[in-house]
Protein backbone atom coordinates (compact mmCIF):
# COMPACT_ATOMS: atom_id res chain seq x y z
CA MET A 1 12.81 -26.09 -9.98
CA GLY A 2 11.79 -22.69 -8.51
CA LYS A 3 11.53 -22.20 -4.81
CA LYS A 4 8.43 -20.97 -2.85
CA ILE A 5 9.17 -17.71 -1.13
CA ALA A 6 6.91 -16.21 1.61
CA VAL A 7 6.98 -12.43 1.71
CA VAL A 8 5.62 -10.68 4.78
CA LEU A 9 4.43 -7.21 3.88
CA THR A 10 2.11 -4.50 4.98
CA ASP A 11 1.55 -0.83 4.17
CA TYR A 12 4.45 1.62 4.15
CA PHE A 13 7.06 -0.94 3.06
CA GLU A 14 10.06 0.54 1.21
CA ASP A 15 8.87 0.20 -2.36
CA VAL A 16 12.14 -0.96 -4.10
CA GLU A 17 13.03 -3.37 -1.24
CA TYR A 18 9.96 -5.42 -2.32
CA THR A 19 9.71 -4.68 -6.08
CA GLU A 20 13.44 -5.29 -6.95
CA PRO A 21 14.01 -8.58 -5.00
CA ALA A 22 10.51 -9.77 -6.14
CA LYS A 23 11.49 -9.22 -9.78
CA ALA A 24 14.88 -10.86 -9.36
CA PHE A 25 13.35 -13.91 -7.71
CA LYS A 26 10.53 -14.21 -10.26
CA ASP A 27 12.99 -13.82 -13.14
CA ALA A 28 15.00 -16.74 -11.67
CA GLY A 29 11.87 -18.89 -11.68
CA HIS A 30 10.85 -18.59 -8.03
CA GLU A 31 7.31 -18.18 -6.79
CA LEU A 32 6.28 -15.44 -4.27
CA THR A 33 3.41 -15.36 -1.89
CA VAL A 34 2.70 -12.08 -0.30
CA ILE A 35 1.34 -12.48 3.26
CA GLU A 36 -0.41 -9.92 5.37
CA GLN A 37 -3.27 -9.93 7.90
CA GLU A 38 -5.95 -9.80 5.14
CA LYS A 39 -6.02 -11.74 1.91
CA GLY A 40 -6.94 -9.72 -1.17
CA LYS A 41 -6.04 -6.39 0.38
CA THR A 42 -3.78 -4.00 -1.56
CA VAL A 43 -0.84 -2.70 0.43
CA LYS A 44 0.95 0.45 -0.55
CA GLY A 45 4.65 1.39 -0.45
CA LYS A 46 5.74 4.40 1.54
CA GLN A 47 7.07 6.12 -1.59
CA GLY A 48 3.73 5.69 -3.28
CA GLU A 49 5.27 3.83 -6.21
CA ALA A 50 4.31 0.23 -5.46
CA GLU A 51 1.02 -1.34 -4.75
CA VAL A 52 0.97 -5.05 -3.98
CA LYS A 53 -2.06 -7.42 -3.80
CA VAL A 54 -1.91 -9.69 -0.72
CA ASP A 55 -2.01 -13.38 -1.79
CA ALA A 56 -2.72 -14.92 1.66
CA SER A 57 -3.71 -14.16 5.24
CA ILE A 58 -1.15 -14.99 7.91
CA ASP A 59 -3.93 -17.22 9.38
CA ASP A 60 -3.98 -19.35 6.31
CA VAL A 61 -0.28 -20.07 5.76
CA ASN A 62 2.21 -22.52 7.22
CA PRO A 63 5.93 -21.81 7.15
CA LYS A 64 6.47 -25.47 6.31
CA ASP A 65 4.97 -24.80 2.87
CA PHE A 66 7.71 -22.38 1.91
CA ASP A 67 11.43 -22.68 1.09
CA ALA A 68 12.46 -19.12 2.13
CA LEU A 69 11.28 -15.83 3.69
CA LEU A 70 11.70 -12.28 2.36
CA ILE A 71 11.27 -9.35 4.82
CA PRO A 72 11.37 -5.96 2.96
CA GLY A 73 12.07 -2.89 5.06
CA GLY A 74 10.31 0.50 5.49
CA PHE A 75 7.76 0.73 8.28
CA SER A 76 6.15 -2.62 7.34
CA PRO A 77 8.38 -4.85 9.61
CA ASP A 78 7.86 -2.61 12.60
CA MET A 79 4.14 -2.87 12.18
CA LEU A 80 4.23 -6.61 11.62
CA ARG A 81 6.32 -7.27 14.63
CA ALA A 82 3.48 -6.02 16.83
CA ASP A 83 1.55 -9.08 15.66
CA ASP A 84 2.79 -12.29 17.28
CA ARG A 85 1.58 -14.40 14.28
CA PHE A 86 4.26 -12.75 12.10
CA VAL A 87 6.92 -12.98 14.75
CA GLN A 88 6.25 -16.78 15.14
CA PHE A 89 6.14 -17.17 11.33
CA ALA A 90 9.59 -15.58 10.94
CA LYS A 91 10.93 -17.54 13.97
CA THR A 92 10.01 -20.80 12.32
CA PHE A 93 12.08 -20.01 9.25
CA MET A 94 15.08 -19.17 11.41
CA ASP A 95 14.60 -22.20 13.68
CA ASP A 96 14.26 -24.53 10.66
CA LYS A 97 17.39 -23.03 9.09
CA LYS A 98 15.57 -22.02 5.98
CA PRO A 99 16.86 -18.96 4.02
CA VAL A 100 15.70 -15.60 5.36
CA PHE A 101 16.30 -12.39 3.43
CA ALA A 102 15.90 -9.18 5.51
CA ILE A 103 16.80 -5.71 4.22
CA CYS A 104 16.96 -2.31 5.92
CA HIS A 105 14.31 -2.40 8.79
CA GLY A 106 13.48 -6.09 7.96
CA PRO A 107 15.63 -7.47 10.88
CA GLN A 108 13.20 -5.84 13.34
CA LEU A 109 10.92 -8.84 12.86
CA LEU A 110 13.88 -11.09 13.72
CA ILE A 111 14.64 -9.02 16.82
CA ASN A 112 11.18 -9.74 18.17
CA ALA A 113 11.49 -13.41 17.15
CA LYS A 114 14.64 -13.50 19.32
CA THR A 115 16.55 -15.19 16.57
CA LEU A 116 19.56 -12.84 16.08
CA ASP A 117 21.60 -13.94 19.14
CA GLY A 118 25.05 -14.98 17.89
CA ARG A 119 24.28 -14.08 14.27
CA LYS A 120 26.35 -11.81 12.05
CA ALA A 121 24.02 -9.33 10.38
CA THR A 122 23.46 -5.76 9.23
CA GLY A 123 20.48 -3.42 8.92
CA PHE A 124 19.50 0.15 8.67
CA THR A 125 21.56 2.49 10.83
CA SER A 126 18.73 3.27 13.30
CA ILE A 127 18.16 -0.34 14.25
CA ARG A 128 21.73 -1.51 14.68
CA ILE A 129 21.78 -0.84 18.44
CA ASP A 130 18.51 -2.86 18.76
CA MET A 131 20.13 -5.67 16.74
CA GLU A 132 23.18 -5.62 19.00
CA ASN A 133 20.95 -5.65 22.12
CA ALA A 134 19.27 -8.72 20.56
CA GLY A 135 22.71 -10.44 20.51
CA ALA A 136 23.65 -9.94 16.87
CA ASN A 137 27.21 -9.23 15.72
CA VAL A 138 26.39 -6.21 13.68
CA VAL A 139 28.66 -5.01 10.86
CA ASP A 140 28.36 -2.13 8.37
CA GLU A 141 28.61 -3.98 5.04
CA GLU A 142 26.37 -3.97 1.96
CA VAL A 143 25.37 -7.56 2.37
CA VAL A 144 26.02 -10.10 5.13
CA VAL A 145 25.44 -13.88 4.78
CA CYS A 146 25.34 -15.72 8.06
CA GLN A 147 25.56 -19.52 8.35
CA ASN A 148 24.43 -19.98 4.74
CA GLN A 149 20.96 -19.01 5.84
CA LEU A 150 20.41 -15.35 6.80
CA VAL A 151 21.04 -12.55 4.25
CA THR A 152 20.82 -8.99 5.50
CA SER A 153 21.45 -5.59 3.94
CA ARG A 154 21.32 -1.93 5.01
CA THR A 155 19.57 0.24 2.42
CA PRO A 156 18.07 0.29 -1.11
CA ASP A 157 21.54 1.02 -2.40
CA ASP A 158 22.49 -2.52 -1.32
CA ILE A 159 19.78 -4.24 -3.25
CA PRO A 160 22.03 -5.53 -6.03
CA ALA A 161 24.28 -7.30 -3.56
CA PHE A 162 21.28 -8.39 -1.51
CA ASN A 163 19.59 -9.98 -4.54
CA ARG A 164 22.87 -11.60 -5.71
CA GLU A 165 23.49 -13.32 -2.37
CA SER A 166 19.79 -14.23 -1.83
CA LEU A 167 19.68 -15.84 -5.27
CA LYS A 168 22.84 -17.90 -4.51
CA LEU A 169 21.07 -19.34 -1.46
CA LEU A 170 17.97 -20.22 -3.50
CA ALA A 171 20.09 -21.89 -6.29
């Protein structure tokens, strides 16, 4: 039985950090719902390769209806964390101990949700100090799995490891 995965995404996401995990999750039988401020809008990746149609507005979704959360990187998580609805949405997954998959700049949303304190995690080089300041034990590894819940990776190069560990948690 496939799991329902929420994906928080807006313009200027890192293309492959959405497209590759999305393909891996769908191929494994999971269902993705792309969530942004506006349902039906098309968001574009910063490399100009990916365009993704938004399935639902943040106002119309409940974290309780999903089994896991995917936060692709790029500029998208920084823009989303300015909106408290997305911060609270991500916080609920962390508080409820549901799987959260955050790659590259994805942990920025978790910094604002104040959910990294005491967690082992990684992220893109430029946000590691921010993650440490948020209380995370930050390491430089291709993928980190913390408490059988939080999966984090650093860059697009880490996607194969990120997908592998994320799929294990969904199994």
